[in-house]
Amino acid sequence: MRQRICLPRRETGHYLMEIDTMKHISSFLSLATLFALVFSVAFPAVSSAKHPTYRVRHVREIVVYPHRPRIRRITKVSRSVHADSSSGTLSMGLRASGTGLDGQKLGLSDVENPAMGGIGFQLRSQIDRNWGLELSTDVLHSDATTKGFTQTTVPVMLSALLYMFPDSAINPYALVGGGVHFTNLKYMDGKFEHHILELAAQAGFGVQVKLSDRVSLHSDLRFLSVYKNLGNVSKVSSSCVSSKANGVVGFCEGLNGMDPNDKFNLGAQFQAGVSYSF
C-alpha cells in the first residue's frame, strides 16, 4: 500500500530542483568517465608517459679484474770484454827481439852466430776463443864487429797459437810454427859477403796481458831449429876467391874445413811487445 507524502507547494518545487541538479551531475560524471576511457585506449603512449610503470629488476654484475702480470727474472750471463781474448779478431803489434844460435855458418870466423837483437812486427788473427795464427817478421843484427864480421837475419815466420785461458786478462799461450830466415854474412868489413836462405822451425810459450779492450802486452820464449842450407861448398869457395877477401892469405881456405853434416843451428829467441786489437 503506497503512501503519498504531500508537501507544501513551495517545498515541492525546491525538492524537484535538487533532483534535476543531481541528474545533471551524474550525467556529467558518466560522460567524463567514458571520455577518459576512450582517451586512454586511443592514446596509450600519452597515458603511459604521464603515469610510467616502474619495475624492480635484480641484475647480477660480474666484475673481472685483470690478473696481476707475472714477472720472470732471467739471469743473463755475459762475458767481460776486458777478459775475453776474442774481443778483437785481428791485432797488430810491435816487439823487441833477441836471438842466440849455437854453432857456425861457413866457418870463416869464430864469431859467427853472435847474439843478435832488433825489432819486429806481428799480425795475429783469432780463429776462435782458443786458437789463433801469427805472421811475423823481425830485423835482427849483430852488434859485434870483432874481426870485421857482422851478421843480419830477417826471419819470416807463420805460427799457430793456443790460448790457455781465453776468458782471463792474463792469458798464457803456446805456439808452434815455421818459416824462413834471410841471413846475410859479411866478413872482413864487407870484403866477402854471403847470403843464405835458411829454413826454420820454432816452438815456445808466452803470456798475453790485456790492459784494455784493445791494448795488450805479450812476451814469449821460442826455441829455434835452423837448417843452414849453405849450398855447394865449391860454389861458395869460388865466390870467396873472386871477392876482395881473396887478398888475405888463408882466408878463403877456411872453407875447406866446412863439415857437410853440420846442417843445423839450434837456439832461442826472446820477444816482448805491445799489440792493438781491431
Protein backbone atom coordinates (compact mmCIF):
# COMPACT_ATOMS: atom_id res chain seq x y z
CA MET A 1 0.00 0.00 0.00
CA ARG A 2 1.62 3.15 -1.12
CA GLN A 3 1.66 6.21 0.93
CA ARG A 4 1.72 9.58 -0.56
CA ILE A 5 3.52 12.31 1.09
CA CYS A 6 2.15 15.62 0.50
CA LEU A 7 4.42 18.54 0.76
CA PRO A 8 3.67 22.09 0.51
CA ARG A 9 3.98 23.61 -2.93
CA ARG A 10 6.84 25.77 -2.06
CA GLU A 11 8.94 22.88 -0.68
CA THR A 12 7.92 20.64 -3.56
CA GLY A 13 9.46 22.93 -6.14
CA HIS A 14 12.65 23.19 -4.23
CA TYR A 15 12.96 19.40 -3.99
CA LEU A 16 12.43 18.96 -7.72
CA MET A 17 15.24 21.37 -8.48
CA GLU A 18 17.64 19.34 -6.36
CA ILE A 19 16.69 16.17 -8.18
CA ASP A 20 17.38 17.79 -11.55
CA THR A 21 20.74 19.02 -10.37
CA MET A 22 21.76 15.52 -9.23
CA LYS A 23 20.78 14.10 -12.59
CA HIS A 24 22.95 16.63 -14.42
CA ILE A 25 25.93 15.90 -12.20
CA SER A 26 25.51 12.14 -12.67
CA SER A 27 25.29 12.54 -16.42
CA PHE A 28 28.44 14.70 -16.47
CA LEU A 29 30.42 12.20 -14.43
CA SER A 30 29.34 9.33 -16.68
CA LEU A 31 30.29 11.29 -19.74
CA ALA A 32 33.70 12.23 -18.27
CA THR A 33 34.38 8.62 -17.33
CA LEU A 34 33.51 7.46 -20.82
CA PHE A 35 35.70 10.14 -22.36
CA ALA A 36 38.66 9.18 -20.16
CA LEU A 37 38.26 5.52 -21.08
CA VAL A 38 38.14 6.29 -24.78
CA PHE A 39 41.20 8.62 -24.50
CA SER A 40 43.30 6.02 -22.70
CA VAL A 41 42.52 3.41 -25.33
CA ALA A 42 43.14 5.75 -28.24
CA PHE A 43 46.33 7.32 -26.89
CA PRO A 44 48.14 4.72 -24.74
CA ALA A 45 51.61 6.35 -25.17
CA VAL A 46 50.41 9.63 -23.71
CA SER A 47 48.75 7.85 -20.86
CA SER A 48 51.81 5.80 -20.05
CA ALA A 49 54.01 8.87 -20.36
CA LYS A 50 52.02 10.65 -17.69
CA HIS A 51 51.95 7.61 -15.49
CA PRO A 52 55.09 5.45 -16.20
CA THR A 53 55.34 1.96 -14.84
CA TYR A 54 58.33 1.18 -12.63
CA ARG A 55 59.61 -2.38 -12.35
CA VAL A 56 62.24 -3.57 -9.92
CA ARG A 57 64.73 -5.90 -11.59
CA HIS A 58 67.63 -7.65 -9.88
CA VAL A 59 70.69 -7.71 -12.15
CA ARG A 60 73.81 -9.71 -11.26
CA GLU A 61 77.02 -7.95 -12.23
CA ILE A 62 80.28 -9.88 -12.62
CA VAL A 63 83.36 -7.70 -12.31
CA VAL A 64 86.50 -9.28 -13.79
CA TYR A 65 89.74 -7.86 -12.51
CA PRO A 66 92.84 -8.31 -14.72
CA HIS A 67 95.38 -10.79 -13.49
CA ARG A 68 98.50 -9.42 -11.98
CA PRO A 69 101.29 -9.82 -14.54
CA ARG A 70 103.91 -12.39 -13.74
CA ILE A 71 107.46 -11.13 -13.68
CA ARG A 72 110.07 -13.64 -14.73
CA ARG A 73 113.57 -12.87 -13.69
CA ILE A 74 116.11 -14.00 -16.25
CA THR A 75 119.73 -14.05 -15.27
CA LYS A 76 121.83 -13.14 -18.26
CA VAL A 77 125.44 -14.20 -18.10
CA SER A 78 127.73 -12.08 -20.21
CA ARG A 79 131.44 -12.35 -20.62
CA SER A 80 133.52 -9.35 -19.86
CA VAL A 81 135.07 -7.95 -23.00
CA HIS A 82 138.06 -6.94 -20.97
CA ALA A 83 138.79 -10.53 -20.06
CA ASP A 84 137.90 -12.18 -23.33
CA SER A 85 140.81 -12.86 -25.61
CA SER A 86 138.48 -12.86 -28.64
CA SER A 87 137.37 -9.21 -28.17
CA GLY A 88 139.25 -8.47 -31.41
CA THR A 89 139.66 -10.92 -34.30
CA LEU A 90 142.71 -9.13 -35.69
CA SER A 91 145.63 -7.48 -33.90
CA MET A 92 148.88 -5.81 -34.93
CA GLY A 93 151.89 -5.43 -32.71
CA LEU A 94 155.45 -4.22 -32.38
CA ARG A 95 158.05 -6.15 -30.45
CA ALA A 96 161.66 -6.18 -29.40
CA SER A 97 163.53 -9.40 -30.01
CA GLY A 98 166.79 -11.04 -29.05
CA THR A 99 168.19 -14.23 -30.62
CA GLY A 100 171.11 -16.53 -30.00
CA LEU A 101 172.20 -19.57 -32.05
CA ASP A 102 174.90 -22.14 -31.45
CA GLY A 103 177.50 -23.41 -33.93
CA GLN A 104 178.80 -21.68 -37.04
CA LYS A 105 177.73 -20.79 -40.54
CA LEU A 106 180.60 -21.00 -43.05
CA GLY A 107 183.34 -21.48 -40.50
CA LEU A 108 185.30 -18.46 -41.77
CA SER A 109 185.16 -16.69 -38.40
CA ASP A 110 184.95 -17.80 -34.81
CA VAL A 111 182.35 -15.10 -34.05
CA GLU A 112 179.67 -16.42 -36.39
CA ASN A 113 176.17 -16.72 -34.94
CA PRO A 114 176.64 -13.96 -32.37
CA ALA A 115 173.83 -12.73 -30.14
CA MET A 116 171.54 -10.56 -32.25
CA GLY A 117 168.83 -8.10 -31.36
CA GLY A 118 166.29 -6.00 -33.18
CA ILE A 119 162.66 -5.05 -33.63
CA GLY A 120 159.82 -6.84 -35.33
CA PHE A 121 156.22 -6.67 -36.47
CA GLN A 122 153.49 -9.24 -35.95
CA LEU A 123 149.98 -9.76 -37.25
CA ARG A 124 147.71 -12.05 -35.24
CA SER A 125 144.30 -13.39 -36.23
CA GLN A 126 141.89 -15.02 -33.80
CA ILE A 127 140.29 -18.16 -35.29
CA ASP A 128 138.16 -18.95 -32.23
CA ARG A 129 138.36 -18.50 -28.47
CA ASN A 130 141.39 -20.78 -28.13
CA TRP A 131 143.19 -20.81 -31.46
CA GLY A 132 144.93 -18.11 -33.43
CA LEU A 133 147.51 -17.52 -36.16
CA GLU A 134 150.56 -15.27 -36.15
CA LEU A 135 152.51 -13.92 -39.11
CA SER A 136 155.67 -12.14 -38.02
CA THR A 137 158.92 -10.70 -39.24
CA ASP A 138 161.95 -9.28 -37.43
CA VAL A 139 165.15 -7.50 -38.37
CA LEU A 140 168.00 -8.93 -36.26
CA HIS A 141 171.51 -7.57 -36.38
CA SER A 142 174.70 -8.37 -34.52
CA ASP A 143 176.49 -5.57 -32.74
CA ALA A 144 179.77 -7.43 -32.67
CA THR A 145 182.18 -6.13 -35.27
CA THR A 146 185.09 -8.11 -33.91
CA LYS A 147 187.37 -9.17 -36.73
CA GLY A 148 185.22 -7.22 -39.15
CA PHE A 149 182.29 -9.70 -39.04
CA THR A 150 178.59 -8.74 -39.00
CA GLN A 151 175.50 -10.90 -39.33
CA THR A 152 171.97 -9.82 -40.22
CA THR A 153 168.95 -12.13 -40.19
CA VAL A 154 165.37 -11.37 -41.24
CA PRO A 155 163.08 -14.24 -40.15
CA VAL A 156 159.59 -14.52 -41.64
CA MET A 157 157.54 -16.97 -39.60
CA LEU A 158 153.98 -18.33 -39.51
CA SER A 159 152.84 -19.90 -36.24
CA ALA A 160 149.75 -21.38 -34.63
CA LEU A 161 148.80 -20.10 -31.17
CA LEU A 162 146.90 -21.97 -28.47
CA TYR A 163 145.47 -19.75 -25.71
CA MET A 164 145.10 -21.48 -22.35
CA PHE A 165 142.67 -19.14 -20.56
CA PRO A 166 140.78 -17.13 -23.20
CA ASP A 167 138.42 -15.56 -20.62
CA SER A 168 141.21 -14.26 -18.42
CA ALA A 169 143.01 -10.93 -18.65
CA ILE A 170 146.27 -12.85 -18.11
CA ASN A 171 146.30 -15.44 -20.85
CA PRO A 172 149.21 -17.90 -21.29
CA TYR A 173 149.69 -19.42 -24.72
CA ALA A 174 151.77 -21.96 -26.59
CA LEU A 175 152.96 -21.69 -30.17
CA VAL A 176 154.49 -23.76 -32.92
CA GLY A 177 155.36 -22.80 -36.47
CA GLY A 178 157.91 -22.46 -39.21
CA GLY A 179 159.27 -20.18 -41.88
CA VAL A 180 162.45 -18.91 -43.48
CA HIS A 181 165.48 -16.89 -42.35
CA PHE A 182 167.10 -14.49 -44.78
CA THR A 183 170.66 -14.34 -43.44
CA ASN A 184 173.46 -12.10 -44.66
CA LEU A 185 177.06 -12.70 -43.59
CA LYS A 186 179.76 -10.05 -44.02
CA TYR A 187 183.43 -10.85 -43.44
CA MET A 188 186.41 -8.56 -43.20
CA ASP A 189 184.30 -5.39 -43.15
CA GLY A 190 182.35 -6.44 -46.20
CA LYS A 191 185.14 -7.70 -48.41
CA PHE A 192 183.33 -11.02 -48.64
CA GLU A 193 179.57 -11.27 -48.36
CA HIS A 194 177.39 -14.38 -48.46
CA HIS A 195 173.59 -14.70 -48.49
CA ILE A 196 171.79 -17.74 -47.11
CA LEU A 197 168.13 -18.73 -47.33
CA GLU A 198 167.57 -20.91 -44.27
CA LEU A 199 164.58 -22.96 -43.22
CA ALA A 200 163.50 -22.56 -39.60
CA ALA A 201 161.09 -24.10 -37.13
CA GLN A 202 160.08 -22.75 -33.74
CA ALA A 203 158.09 -23.79 -30.67
CA GLY A 204 157.59 -21.96 -27.42
CA PHE A 205 155.30 -20.44 -24.85
CA GLY A 206 154.35 -16.98 -23.67
CA VAL A 207 151.78 -14.84 -21.91
CA GLN A 208 149.43 -12.10 -23.04
CA VAL A 209 148.23 -9.43 -20.58
CA LYS A 210 145.26 -7.30 -21.59
CA LEU A 211 145.48 -3.68 -20.48
CA SER A 212 142.15 -2.69 -22.05
CA ASP A 213 139.67 -3.95 -24.62
CA ARG A 214 142.14 -3.16 -27.39
CA VAL A 215 145.65 -2.92 -25.98
CA SER A 216 147.65 -5.84 -24.62
CA LEU A 217 151.22 -6.72 -23.73
CA HIS A 218 152.84 -10.01 -24.71
CA SER A 219 156.08 -11.80 -24.06
CA ASP A 220 157.31 -15.23 -25.12
CA LEU A 221 160.30 -17.52 -25.42
CA ARG A 222 160.79 -19.50 -28.63
CA PHE A 223 163.17 -22.37 -29.27
CA LEU A 224 164.62 -22.43 -32.78
CA SER A 225 165.95 -25.03 -35.14
CA VAL A 226 167.54 -23.57 -38.29
CA TYR A 227 168.55 -25.56 -41.35
CA LYS A 228 171.57 -23.68 -42.71
CA ASN A 229 171.23 -24.62 -46.39
CA LEU A 230 174.72 -23.35 -47.22
CA GLY A 231 174.71 -24.69 -50.74
CA ASN A 232 177.56 -26.30 -52.65
CA VAL A 233 180.94 -25.82 -50.96
CA SER A 234 182.76 -25.39 -54.28
CA LYS A 235 180.42 -22.55 -55.32
CA VAL A 236 180.91 -20.78 -52.00
CA SER A 237 184.67 -21.20 -52.33
CA SER A 238 184.64 -19.82 -55.86
CA SER A 239 182.65 -16.81 -54.67
CA CYS A 240 185.18 -16.18 -51.90
CA VAL A 241 188.14 -16.45 -54.24
CA SER A 242 186.59 -13.91 -56.61
CA SER A 243 185.94 -11.43 -53.79
CA LYS A 244 188.20 -8.78 -52.27
CA ALA A 245 188.86 -11.10 -49.34
CA ASN A 246 191.00 -13.34 -51.54
CA GLY A 247 193.86 -11.00 -50.95
CA VAL A 248 194.02 -12.05 -47.32
CA VAL A 249 196.26 -15.05 -47.06
CA GLY A 250 194.45 -18.21 -46.00
CA PHE A 251 191.05 -16.62 -45.56
CA CYS A 252 189.14 -18.49 -48.27
CA GLU A 253 190.99 -21.68 -47.46
CA GLY A 254 188.94 -21.87 -44.28
CA LEU A 255 186.03 -23.09 -46.35
CA ASN A 256 187.82 -26.38 -46.79
CA GLY A 257 187.09 -27.16 -43.16
CA MET A 258 183.30 -27.00 -43.60
CA ASP A 259 181.56 -30.08 -42.22
CA PRO A 260 178.94 -31.24 -44.76
CA ASN A 261 177.00 -32.93 -41.94
CA ASP A 262 176.73 -29.74 -39.90
CA LYS A 263 173.43 -28.53 -41.28
CA PHE A 264 171.53 -27.19 -38.24
CA ASN A 265 171.86 -24.40 -35.73
CA LEU A 266 169.86 -24.57 -32.52
CA GLY A 267 168.99 -21.58 -30.41
CA ALA A 268 166.35 -19.48 -28.67
CA GLN A 269 164.59 -16.20 -29.23
CA PHE A 270 163.03 -13.93 -26.59
CA GLN A 271 160.39 -11.38 -27.57
CA ALA A 272 158.32 -8.73 -25.78
CA GLY A 273 155.96 -6.17 -27.24
CA VAL A 274 152.59 -4.47 -27.39
CA SER A 275 149.65 -5.14 -29.71
CA TYR A 276 146.41 -3.41 -30.66
CA SER A 277 143.24 -5.37 -31.47
CA PHE A 278 140.61 -4.38 -34.06
